[in-house]
Amino acid sequence: MRWLLAAAVILLPLAVAAQSQQSAPPQSGFEAAEAAAQEDPREVVGAPKGAPLAGAALDERTEEVGGLLRCPVCQGMSVADSPAEMAVNMKGQVHELLQRGYTEEQILTYFERSYGQFVLLKPKFEGTTTLVWLLPLIALVIGAAILFVTFRRLSRATPQTPNAQSPAPDDAYVARVRDLVSGGKKP
């Protein structure tokens, strides 16, 4: 009876969460991007903290900030390098935000809120991404430790070399082979 009550306590919140997710229509990446494009940046990141840019400085800065954002369509390219329509739109948004005086940090926060941390080409060093940064280093250290211990054990082991002394004289076969090799002839 207790296990039934425990199962109900565990499964009830999951059922409620699943029901609430089903009531909202799922958004595709394009629908989420369109919704993000209509969202006012002032509501997301506040008022612009930087100086408005124009001209060549604006174009250069747009390329720099666009290079920090991942294209949601191509996924291997930055917004600045991608020819996809969505990337071009995102780059236009970056251009507009820089023109209005938003800083790089505010723009990255704006896109991160809309697309999640995936949109950043260089993820932040926090939360689960800490594992992404540290796991290769941990694997390298563990591998080096295993190699060190293995080589140390091998160097401590006494080498088992075959006895270099000649075999016992009563082994007729070995004696005959030696005589043939050395050029001696025995009948």
N, C-alpha and C. Protein backbone atom coordinates (compact mmCIF):
# COMPACT_ATOMS: atom_id res chain seq x y z
N MET A 1 0.82 -1.19 0.00
CA MET A 1 0.00 0.00 0.00
C MET A 1 0.87 1.26 0.00
N ARG A 2 1.98 1.23 0.76
CA ARG A 2 2.86 2.40 0.82
C ARG A 2 3.50 2.68 -0.53
N TRP A 3 3.88 1.63 -1.24
CA TRP A 3 4.53 1.83 -2.53
C TRP A 3 3.56 2.44 -3.52
N LEU A 4 2.27 2.10 -3.42
CA LEU A 4 1.26 2.68 -4.30
C LEU A 4 1.11 4.17 -4.03
N LEU A 5 1.11 4.54 -2.76
CA LEU A 5 1.02 5.94 -2.38
C LEU A 5 2.26 6.70 -2.83
N ALA A 6 3.44 6.10 -2.68
CA ALA A 6 4.68 6.74 -3.11
C ALA A 6 4.70 6.92 -4.63
N ALA A 7 4.24 5.94 -5.37
CA ALA A 7 4.18 6.04 -6.82
C ALA A 7 3.22 7.16 -7.25
N ALA A 8 2.10 7.29 -6.55
CA ALA A 8 1.14 8.35 -6.88
C ALA A 8 1.74 9.73 -6.61
N VAL A 9 2.47 9.86 -5.51
CA VAL A 9 3.09 11.14 -5.16
C VAL A 9 4.15 11.51 -6.21
N ILE A 10 4.86 10.52 -6.72
CA ILE A 10 5.90 10.79 -7.71
C ILE A 10 5.29 11.07 -9.09
N LEU A 11 4.30 10.30 -9.48
CA LEU A 11 3.75 10.41 -10.83
C LEU A 11 2.77 11.56 -11.00
N LEU A 12 2.11 12.02 -9.95
CA LEU A 12 1.13 13.09 -10.06
C LEU A 12 1.76 14.39 -10.58
N PRO A 13 2.89 14.86 -10.02
CA PRO A 13 3.49 16.09 -10.58
C PRO A 13 3.95 15.91 -12.03
N LEU A 14 4.42 14.72 -12.38
CA LEU A 14 4.83 14.48 -13.77
C LEU A 14 3.64 14.54 -14.71
N ALA A 15 2.51 14.01 -14.29
CA ALA A 15 1.30 14.04 -15.12
C ALA A 15 0.80 15.47 -15.29
N VAL A 16 0.84 16.26 -14.23
CA VAL A 16 0.42 17.66 -14.31
C VAL A 16 1.34 18.44 -15.24
N ALA A 17 2.64 18.20 -15.13
CA ALA A 17 3.60 18.90 -16.00
C ALA A 17 3.39 18.51 -17.46
N ALA A 18 3.14 17.23 -17.71
CA ALA A 18 2.91 16.78 -19.09
C ALA A 18 1.63 17.39 -19.65
N GLN A 19 0.59 17.51 -18.83
CA GLN A 19 -0.67 18.09 -19.27
C GLN A 19 -0.49 19.57 -19.60
N SER A 20 0.27 20.29 -18.79
CA SER A 20 0.47 21.72 -19.04
C SER A 20 1.30 21.94 -20.30
N GLN A 21 2.23 21.04 -20.60
CA GLN A 21 3.03 21.17 -21.82
C GLN A 21 2.19 20.86 -23.05
N GLN A 22 1.21 19.97 -22.93
CA GLN A 22 0.37 19.63 -24.07
C GLN A 22 -0.59 20.75 -24.39
N SER A 23 -0.97 21.57 -23.42
CA SER A 23 -1.94 22.62 -23.67
C SER A 23 -1.34 23.73 -24.53
N ALA A 24 -0.03 23.98 -24.43
CA ALA A 24 0.61 25.00 -25.25
C ALA A 24 1.05 24.38 -26.57
N PRO A 25 0.74 25.04 -27.69
CA PRO A 25 1.16 24.46 -28.97
C PRO A 25 2.68 24.52 -29.10
N PRO A 26 3.29 23.44 -29.59
CA PRO A 26 4.75 23.43 -29.70
C PRO A 26 5.21 24.42 -30.76
N GLN A 27 6.34 25.08 -30.48
CA GLN A 27 6.89 26.03 -31.43
C GLN A 27 8.10 25.41 -32.09
N SER A 28 8.16 25.58 -33.41
CA SER A 28 9.36 25.14 -34.11
C SER A 28 10.43 26.20 -33.92
N GLY A 29 11.64 25.91 -34.35
CA GLY A 29 12.74 26.87 -34.23
C GLY A 29 12.42 28.17 -34.94
N PHE A 30 11.74 28.07 -36.10
CA PHE A 30 11.41 29.27 -36.85
C PHE A 30 10.34 30.10 -36.14
N GLU A 31 9.35 29.42 -35.54
CA GLU A 31 8.30 30.14 -34.82
C GLU A 31 8.88 30.82 -33.59
N ALA A 32 9.80 30.15 -32.89
CA ALA A 32 10.44 30.75 -31.72
C ALA A 32 11.28 31.95 -32.14
N ALA A 33 11.96 31.85 -33.28
CA ALA A 33 12.77 32.96 -33.77
C ALA A 33 11.90 34.14 -34.16
N GLU A 34 10.75 33.85 -34.78
CA GLU A 34 9.85 34.92 -35.16
C GLU A 34 9.29 35.61 -33.92
N ALA A 35 8.95 34.82 -32.90
CA ALA A 35 8.45 35.40 -31.65
C ALA A 35 9.53 36.24 -30.99
N ALA A 36 10.78 35.77 -31.04
CA ALA A 36 11.88 36.52 -30.45
C ALA A 36 12.12 37.82 -31.20
N ALA A 37 11.94 37.81 -32.50
CA ALA A 37 12.15 39.01 -33.30
C ALA A 37 11.11 40.07 -32.98
N GLN A 38 9.91 39.66 -32.56
CA GLN A 38 8.85 40.60 -32.24
C GLN A 38 8.94 41.09 -30.79
N GLU A 39 9.77 40.45 -29.98
CA GLU A 39 9.91 40.81 -28.58
C GLU A 39 10.77 42.07 -28.46
N ASP A 40 10.35 42.98 -27.60
CA ASP A 40 11.07 44.23 -27.41
C ASP A 40 12.32 43.97 -26.56
N PRO A 41 13.50 44.35 -27.05
CA PRO A 41 14.73 44.10 -26.29
C PRO A 41 14.74 44.81 -24.94
N ARG A 42 14.04 45.92 -24.82
CA ARG A 42 13.99 46.64 -23.54
C ARG A 42 13.36 45.77 -22.45
N GLU A 43 12.40 44.94 -22.82
CA GLU A 43 11.74 44.06 -21.86
C GLU A 43 12.65 42.92 -21.44
N VAL A 44 13.58 42.53 -22.31
CA VAL A 44 14.44 41.38 -22.06
C VAL A 44 15.71 41.79 -21.32
N VAL A 45 16.43 42.79 -21.85
CA VAL A 45 17.74 43.15 -21.29
C VAL A 45 17.80 44.57 -20.77
N GLY A 46 16.71 45.30 -20.82
CA GLY A 46 16.70 46.67 -20.29
C GLY A 46 17.10 47.69 -21.35
N ALA A 47 17.37 48.87 -20.88
CA ALA A 47 17.73 49.98 -21.77
C ALA A 47 19.15 49.78 -22.30
N PRO A 48 19.43 50.34 -23.48
CA PRO A 48 20.79 50.24 -24.02
C PRO A 48 21.81 50.87 -23.09
N LYS A 49 22.95 50.17 -22.91
CA LYS A 49 23.99 50.64 -21.99
C LYS A 49 25.20 51.20 -22.74
N GLY A 50 25.23 51.04 -24.04
CA GLY A 50 26.38 51.49 -24.81
C GLY A 50 26.02 52.69 -25.67
N ALA A 51 27.00 53.11 -26.44
CA ALA A 51 26.81 54.22 -27.36
C ALA A 51 26.31 53.67 -28.70
N PRO A 52 25.34 54.36 -29.31
CA PRO A 52 24.88 53.92 -30.63
C PRO A 52 26.02 53.98 -31.65
N LEU A 53 26.07 53.00 -32.52
CA LEU A 53 27.12 52.94 -33.54
C LEU A 53 26.53 53.27 -34.91
N ALA A 54 27.40 53.70 -35.81
CA ALA A 54 26.98 54.00 -37.18
C ALA A 54 28.17 53.80 -38.11
N GLY A 55 27.89 53.63 -39.39
CA GLY A 55 28.93 53.57 -40.40
C GLY A 55 29.74 52.29 -40.38
N ALA A 56 31.04 52.46 -40.65
CA ALA A 56 31.95 51.31 -40.73
C ALA A 56 32.13 50.63 -39.38
N ALA A 57 32.12 51.41 -38.30
CA ALA A 57 32.25 50.83 -36.95
C ALA A 57 31.06 49.92 -36.65
N LEU A 58 29.88 50.31 -37.10
CA LEU A 58 28.68 49.49 -36.90
C LEU A 58 28.78 48.18 -37.68
N ASP A 59 29.23 48.25 -38.93
CA ASP A 59 29.36 47.04 -39.75
C ASP A 59 30.41 46.09 -39.17
N GLU A 60 31.52 46.66 -38.73
CA GLU A 60 32.59 45.83 -38.15
C GLU A 60 32.12 45.16 -36.86
N ARG A 61 31.46 45.93 -36.02
CA ARG A 61 30.99 45.39 -34.74
C ARG A 61 29.88 44.35 -34.96
N THR A 62 29.06 44.54 -35.99
CA THR A 62 28.01 43.57 -36.33
C THR A 62 28.64 42.23 -36.69
N GLU A 63 29.71 42.26 -37.46
CA GLU A 63 30.41 41.02 -37.83
C GLU A 63 31.01 40.35 -36.60
N GLU A 64 31.58 41.14 -35.69
CA GLU A 64 32.20 40.58 -34.48
C GLU A 64 31.16 39.90 -33.60
N VAL A 65 30.06 40.60 -33.32
CA VAL A 65 29.02 40.04 -32.45
C VAL A 65 28.31 38.88 -33.15
N GLY A 66 28.07 39.01 -34.45
CA GLY A 66 27.46 37.92 -35.21
C GLY A 66 28.33 36.67 -35.22
N GLY A 67 29.64 36.86 -35.12
CA GLY A 67 30.57 35.73 -35.06
C GLY A 67 30.51 34.98 -33.74
N LEU A 68 29.86 35.55 -32.74
CA LEU A 68 29.73 34.89 -31.44
C LEU A 68 28.44 34.08 -31.32
N LEU A 69 27.55 34.25 -32.30
CA LEU A 69 26.26 33.57 -32.27
C LEU A 69 26.23 32.42 -33.27
N ARG A 70 25.63 31.31 -32.87
CA ARG A 70 25.52 30.12 -33.74
C ARG A 70 24.24 30.24 -34.56
N CYS A 71 24.34 29.89 -35.82
CA CYS A 71 23.17 29.85 -36.69
C CYS A 71 22.30 28.66 -36.29
N PRO A 72 21.03 28.87 -35.96
CA PRO A 72 20.17 27.74 -35.57
C PRO A 72 19.90 26.77 -36.71
N VAL A 73 20.06 27.21 -37.96
CA VAL A 73 19.80 26.34 -39.10
C VAL A 73 21.04 25.52 -39.44
N CYS A 74 22.18 26.19 -39.58
CA CYS A 74 23.42 25.51 -39.99
C CYS A 74 24.08 24.78 -38.83
N GLN A 75 24.00 25.32 -37.64
CA GLN A 75 24.49 24.77 -36.39
C GLN A 75 26.00 24.60 -36.31
N GLY A 76 26.70 24.70 -37.41
CA GLY A 76 28.15 24.61 -37.35
C GLY A 76 28.79 25.93 -37.74
N MET A 77 27.98 26.90 -38.05
CA MET A 77 28.49 28.18 -38.52
C MET A 77 27.96 29.30 -37.64
N SER A 78 28.70 30.39 -37.67
CA SER A 78 28.23 31.56 -36.93
C SER A 78 27.21 32.30 -37.78
N VAL A 79 26.48 33.19 -37.15
CA VAL A 79 25.50 34.01 -37.84
C VAL A 79 26.19 34.88 -38.89
N ALA A 80 27.40 35.34 -38.58
CA ALA A 80 28.13 36.19 -39.52
C ALA A 80 28.54 35.44 -40.78
N ASP A 81 28.77 34.13 -40.70
CA ASP A 81 29.26 33.35 -41.83
C ASP A 81 28.17 32.60 -42.58
N SER A 82 27.03 32.40 -41.96
CA SER A 82 25.99 31.55 -42.54
C SER A 82 25.19 32.28 -43.62
N PRO A 83 24.90 31.59 -44.72
CA PRO A 83 24.06 32.19 -45.76
C PRO A 83 22.56 31.95 -45.54
N ALA A 84 22.20 31.23 -44.48
CA ALA A 84 20.80 30.89 -44.23
C ALA A 84 19.99 32.16 -43.96
N GLU A 85 18.72 32.11 -44.36
CA GLU A 85 17.85 33.27 -44.19
C GLU A 85 17.70 33.66 -42.72
N MET A 86 17.59 32.65 -41.87
CA MET A 86 17.45 32.92 -40.44
C MET A 86 18.69 33.63 -39.90
N ALA A 87 19.87 33.21 -40.33
CA ALA A 87 21.11 33.84 -39.89
C ALA A 87 21.18 35.29 -40.38
N VAL A 88 20.73 35.51 -41.60
CA VAL A 88 20.73 36.87 -42.14
C VAL A 88 19.79 37.75 -41.31
N ASN A 89 18.64 37.20 -40.93
CA ASN A 89 17.70 37.95 -40.09
C ASN A 89 18.29 38.24 -38.71
N MET A 90 18.97 37.24 -38.14
CA MET A 90 19.59 37.44 -36.82
C MET A 90 20.70 38.49 -36.91
N LYS A 91 21.45 38.44 -37.98
CA LYS A 91 22.52 39.43 -38.18
C LYS A 91 21.91 40.82 -38.32
N GLY A 92 20.76 40.91 -38.99
CA GLY A 92 20.06 42.19 -39.09
C GLY A 92 19.61 42.69 -37.73
N GLN A 93 19.16 41.77 -36.88
CA GLN A 93 18.77 42.14 -35.52
C GLN A 93 19.98 42.66 -34.74
N VAL A 94 21.11 41.97 -34.87
CA VAL A 94 22.34 42.40 -34.20
C VAL A 94 22.71 43.81 -34.67
N HIS A 95 22.60 44.04 -35.97
CA HIS A 95 22.92 45.35 -36.56
C HIS A 95 22.02 46.42 -35.96
N GLU A 96 20.72 46.12 -35.88
CA GLU A 96 19.76 47.08 -35.34
C GLU A 96 20.02 47.35 -33.86
N LEU A 97 20.30 46.31 -33.09
CA LEU A 97 20.54 46.49 -31.66
C LEU A 97 21.81 47.30 -31.40
N LEU A 98 22.85 47.05 -32.17
CA LEU A 98 24.07 47.84 -32.02
C LEU A 98 23.84 49.29 -32.42
N GLN A 99 23.02 49.49 -33.43
CA GLN A 99 22.70 50.83 -33.89
C GLN A 99 21.92 51.59 -32.81
N ARG A 100 21.14 50.88 -32.02
CA ARG A 100 20.35 51.49 -30.95
C ARG A 100 21.16 51.68 -29.67
N GLY A 101 22.39 51.10 -29.60
CA GLY A 101 23.24 51.33 -28.44
C GLY A 101 23.34 50.18 -27.46
N TYR A 102 22.88 49.00 -27.84
CA TYR A 102 23.00 47.84 -26.95
C TYR A 102 24.43 47.32 -26.98
N THR A 103 24.89 46.81 -25.85
CA THR A 103 26.25 46.28 -25.75
C THR A 103 26.27 44.82 -26.21
N GLU A 104 27.48 44.31 -26.40
CA GLU A 104 27.65 42.91 -26.81
C GLU A 104 27.01 41.98 -25.78
N GLU A 105 27.24 42.25 -24.52
CA GLU A 105 26.69 41.41 -23.45
C GLU A 105 25.16 41.41 -23.49
N GLN A 106 24.57 42.58 -23.69
CA GLN A 106 23.11 42.66 -23.76
C GLN A 106 22.57 41.89 -24.97
N ILE A 107 23.25 42.00 -26.10
CA ILE A 107 22.80 41.31 -27.31
C ILE A 107 22.90 39.80 -27.14
N LEU A 108 24.01 39.32 -26.57
CA LEU A 108 24.16 37.89 -26.35
C LEU A 108 23.11 37.38 -25.37
N THR A 109 22.82 38.15 -24.33
CA THR A 109 21.78 37.78 -23.36
C THR A 109 20.41 37.73 -24.04
N TYR A 110 20.16 38.71 -24.91
CA TYR A 110 18.89 38.76 -25.65
C TYR A 110 18.69 37.50 -26.49
N PHE A 111 19.71 37.11 -27.25
CA PHE A 111 19.59 35.92 -28.09
C PHE A 111 19.60 34.64 -27.26
N GLU A 112 20.33 34.64 -26.17
CA GLU A 112 20.36 33.45 -25.30
C GLU A 112 18.98 33.22 -24.69
N ARG A 113 18.31 34.29 -24.33
CA ARG A 113 16.97 34.14 -23.75
C ARG A 113 15.99 33.61 -24.79
N SER A 114 16.18 33.99 -26.03
CA SER A 114 15.27 33.55 -27.09
C SER A 114 15.54 32.13 -27.55
N TYR A 115 16.82 31.76 -27.69
CA TYR A 115 17.18 30.47 -28.27
C TYR A 115 17.79 29.50 -27.29
N GLY A 116 18.14 29.94 -26.12
CA GLY A 116 18.83 29.10 -25.16
C GLY A 116 20.33 29.24 -25.33
N GLN A 117 21.08 28.59 -24.45
CA GLN A 117 22.54 28.73 -24.46
C GLN A 117 23.17 28.11 -25.70
N PHE A 118 22.41 27.31 -26.43
CA PHE A 118 22.90 26.69 -27.65
C PHE A 118 23.33 27.73 -28.68
N VAL A 119 22.69 28.89 -28.68
CA VAL A 119 22.97 29.90 -29.69
C VAL A 119 24.35 30.53 -29.52
N LEU A 120 24.95 30.37 -28.35
CA LEU A 120 26.28 30.93 -28.12
C LEU A 120 27.33 29.97 -28.66
N LEU A 121 28.23 30.46 -29.51
CA LEU A 121 29.29 29.60 -30.03
C LEU A 121 30.28 29.22 -28.95
N LYS A 122 30.45 30.09 -27.97
CA LYS A 122 31.32 29.79 -26.83
C LYS A 122 30.43 29.79 -25.59
N PRO A 123 29.96 28.59 -25.16
CA PRO A 123 29.04 28.54 -24.03
C PRO A 123 29.68 29.04 -22.74
N LYS A 124 28.83 29.51 -21.86
CA LYS A 124 29.31 30.02 -20.57
C LYS A 124 29.83 28.87 -19.71
N PHE A 125 30.71 29.20 -18.81
CA PHE A 125 31.32 28.22 -17.90
C PHE A 125 30.47 28.15 -16.63
N GLU A 126 29.27 27.58 -16.77
CA GLU A 126 28.38 27.45 -15.62
C GLU A 126 27.39 26.32 -15.88
N GLY A 127 26.86 25.75 -14.83
CA GLY A 127 25.86 24.71 -14.95
C GLY A 127 26.38 23.47 -15.63
N THR A 128 25.56 22.92 -16.52
CA THR A 128 25.92 21.68 -17.19
C THR A 128 27.03 21.87 -18.22
N THR A 129 27.21 23.09 -18.70
CA THR A 129 28.28 23.31 -19.67
C THR A 129 29.65 23.20 -19.01
N THR A 130 29.69 23.27 -17.69
CA THR A 130 30.95 23.07 -16.98
C THR A 130 31.49 21.67 -17.30
N LEU A 131 30.59 20.70 -17.37
CA LEU A 131 31.02 19.33 -17.73
C LEU A 131 31.58 19.28 -19.14
N VAL A 132 30.97 20.04 -20.04
CA VAL A 132 31.46 20.06 -21.43
C VAL A 132 32.88 20.59 -21.47
N TRP A 133 33.17 21.57 -20.64
CA TRP A 133 34.52 22.15 -20.60
C TRP A 133 35.50 21.25 -19.86
N LEU A 134 35.05 20.62 -18.78
CA LEU A 134 35.98 19.88 -17.92
C LEU A 134 36.13 18.40 -18.27
N LEU A 135 35.13 17.80 -18.90
CA LEU A 135 35.18 16.36 -19.18
C LEU A 135 36.39 15.95 -20.02
N PRO A 136 36.75 16.67 -21.07
CA PRO A 136 37.96 16.27 -21.81
C PRO A 136 39.23 16.35 -20.96
N LEU A 137 39.32 17.36 -20.10
CA LEU A 137 40.48 17.47 -19.23
C LEU A 137 40.53 16.34 -18.22
N ILE A 138 39.38 16.00 -17.66
CA ILE A 138 39.32 14.90 -16.70
C ILE A 138 39.71 13.58 -17.37
N ALA A 139 39.21 13.35 -18.59
CA ALA A 139 39.56 12.13 -19.32
C ALA A 139 41.05 12.08 -19.62
N LEU A 140 41.64 13.22 -19.96
CA LEU A 140 43.07 13.28 -20.23
C LEU A 140 43.89 12.95 -18.98
N VAL A 141 43.49 13.50 -17.84
CA VAL A 141 44.21 13.23 -16.59
C VAL A 141 44.08 11.76 -16.19
N ILE A 142 42.87 11.21 -16.34
CA ILE A 142 42.67 9.80 -15.99
C ILE A 142 43.49 8.90 -16.92
N GLY A 143 43.51 9.21 -18.20
CA GLY A 143 44.30 8.43 -19.15
C GLY A 143 45.79 8.49 -18.84
N ALA A 144 46.28 9.69 -18.49
CA ALA A 144 47.69 9.83 -18.14
C ALA A 144 48.01 9.04 -16.87
N ALA A 145 47.11 9.06 -15.90
CA ALA A 145 47.33 8.31 -14.66
C ALA A 145 47.37 6.80 -14.93
N ILE A 146 46.47 6.34 -15.79
CA ILE A 146 46.47 4.90 -16.12
C ILE A 146 47.77 4.52 -16.81
N LEU A 147 48.22 5.33 -17.75
CA LEU A 147 49.50 5.05 -18.43
C LEU A 147 50.67 5.06 -17.44
N PHE A 148 50.68 6.03 -16.55
CA PHE A 148 51.75 6.13 -15.57
C PHE A 148 51.80 4.88 -14.69
N VAL A 149 50.65 4.47 -14.18
CA VAL A 149 50.59 3.29 -13.31
C VAL A 149 51.00 2.04 -14.08
N THR A 150 50.53 1.91 -15.31
CA THR A 150 50.86 0.73 -16.12
C THR A 150 52.36 0.66 -16.40
N PHE A 151 52.96 1.76 -16.82
CA PHE A 151 54.39 1.77 -17.09
C PHE A 151 55.21 1.53 -15.82
N ARG A 152 54.72 2.04 -14.72
CA ARG A 152 55.43 1.84 -13.45
C ARG A 152 55.41 0.36 -13.06
N ARG A 153 54.27 -0.28 -13.24
CA ARG A 153 54.18 -1.71 -12.93
C ARG A 153 55.08 -2.52 -13.84
N LEU A 154 55.13 -2.16 -15.10
CA LEU A 154 55.96 -2.90 -16.05
C LEU A 154 57.45 -2.72 -15.73
N SER A 155 57.84 -1.54 -15.28
CA SER A 155 59.26 -1.32 -14.98
C SER A 155 59.67 -2.02 -13.68
N ARG A 156 58.73 -2.20 -12.76
CA ARG A 156 59.05 -2.89 -11.50
C ARG A 156 59.14 -4.39 -11.69
N ALA A 157 58.43 -4.92 -12.64
CA ALA A 157 58.41 -6.37 -12.85
C ALA A 157 59.79 -6.82 -13.31
N THR A 158 60.26 -7.95 -12.78
CA THR A 158 61.57 -8.47 -13.19
C THR A 158 61.43 -9.07 -14.57
N PRO A 159 62.31 -8.71 -15.44
CA PRO A 159 62.20 -9.24 -16.80
C PRO A 159 62.46 -10.75 -16.82
N GLN A 160 61.64 -11.43 -17.53
CA GLN A 160 61.76 -12.88 -17.67
C GLN A 160 62.49 -13.17 -18.99
N THR A 161 63.80 -13.11 -18.94
CA THR A 161 64.59 -13.38 -20.15
C THR A 161 64.93 -14.86 -20.18
N PRO A 162 64.96 -15.43 -21.34
CA PRO A 162 65.33 -16.86 -21.43
C PRO A 162 66.78 -17.06 -21.01
N ASN A 163 67.04 -18.20 -20.48
CA ASN A 163 68.39 -18.52 -20.01
C ASN A 163 69.34 -18.58 -21.21
N ALA A 164 70.38 -17.79 -21.15
CA ALA A 164 71.31 -17.72 -22.27
C ALA A 164 72.32 -18.86 -22.25
N GLN A 165 72.32 -19.64 -21.20
CA GLN A 165 73.26 -20.77 -21.14
C GLN A 165 72.80 -21.84 -22.11
N SER A 166 73.76 -22.64 -22.50
CA SER A 166 73.45 -23.70 -23.45
C SER A 166 72.60 -24.76 -22.77
N PRO A 167 71.78 -25.46 -23.56
CA PRO A 167 70.93 -26.48 -22.97
C PRO A 167 71.76 -27.66 -22.47
N ALA A 168 71.11 -28.45 -21.73
CA ALA A 168 71.78 -29.62 -21.15
C ALA A 168 72.36 -30.49 -22.27
N PRO A 169 73.53 -31.08 -22.04
CA PRO A 169 74.17 -31.88 -23.08
C PRO A 169 73.39 -33.15 -23.42
N ASP A 170 72.45 -33.55 -22.59
CA ASP A 170 71.75 -34.79 -22.87
C ASP A 170 70.63 -34.60 -23.90
N ASP A 171 70.39 -33.37 -24.33
CA ASP A 171 69.39 -33.13 -25.36
C ASP A 171 70.04 -33.33 -26.72
N ALA A 172 69.82 -34.49 -27.29
CA ALA A 172 70.50 -34.88 -28.53
C ALA A 172 70.06 -34.04 -29.72
N TYR A 173 68.82 -33.67 -29.76
CA TYR A 173 68.32 -32.89 -30.89
C TYR A 173 69.00 -31.53 -30.96
N VAL A 174 69.08 -30.82 -29.81
CA VAL A 174 69.70 -29.50 -29.76
C VAL A 174 71.18 -29.61 -30.08
N ALA A 175 71.83 -30.65 -29.59
CA ALA A 175 73.26 -30.83 -29.87
C ALA A 175 73.48 -31.06 -31.36
N ARG A 176 72.62 -31.82 -32.00
CA ARG A 176 72.75 -32.09 -33.44
C ARG A 176 72.56 -30.80 -34.24
N VAL A 177 71.58 -29.94 -33.86
CA VAL A 177 71.33 -28.68 -34.56
C VAL A 177 72.52 -27.75 -34.41
N ARG A 178 73.10 -27.70 -33.24
CA ARG A 178 74.28 -26.84 -33.03
C ARG A 178 75.46 -27.31 -33.87
N ASP A 179 75.61 -28.59 -33.93
CA ASP A 179 76.72 -29.11 -34.74
C ASP A 179 76.52 -28.79 -36.22
N LEU A 180 75.29 -28.87 -36.70
CA LEU A 180 75.02 -28.56 -38.11
C LEU A 180 75.23 -27.07 -38.40
N VAL A 181 74.82 -26.23 -37.47
CA VAL A 181 74.97 -24.80 -37.65
C VAL A 181 76.43 -24.38 -37.60
N SER A 182 77.18 -24.98 -36.73
CA SER A 182 78.59 -24.59 -36.57
C SER A 182 79.47 -25.20 -37.65
N GLY A 183 78.93 -26.05 -38.43
CA GLY A 183 79.70 -26.65 -39.51
C GLY A 183 80.31 -27.97 -39.16
N GLY A 184 80.17 -28.40 -37.94
CA GLY A 184 80.68 -29.71 -37.53
C GLY A 184 79.78 -30.82 -38.03
N LYS A 185 80.37 -31.94 -38.36
CA LYS A 185 79.55 -33.04 -38.90
C LYS A 185 79.71 -34.24 -37.99
N LYS A 186 78.57 -34.73 -37.55
CA LYS A 186 78.52 -35.95 -36.76
C LYS A 186 77.66 -36.94 -37.49
N PRO A 187 78.07 -38.15 -37.53
CA PRO A 187 77.27 -39.16 -38.23
C PRO A 187 76.06 -39.58 -37.46
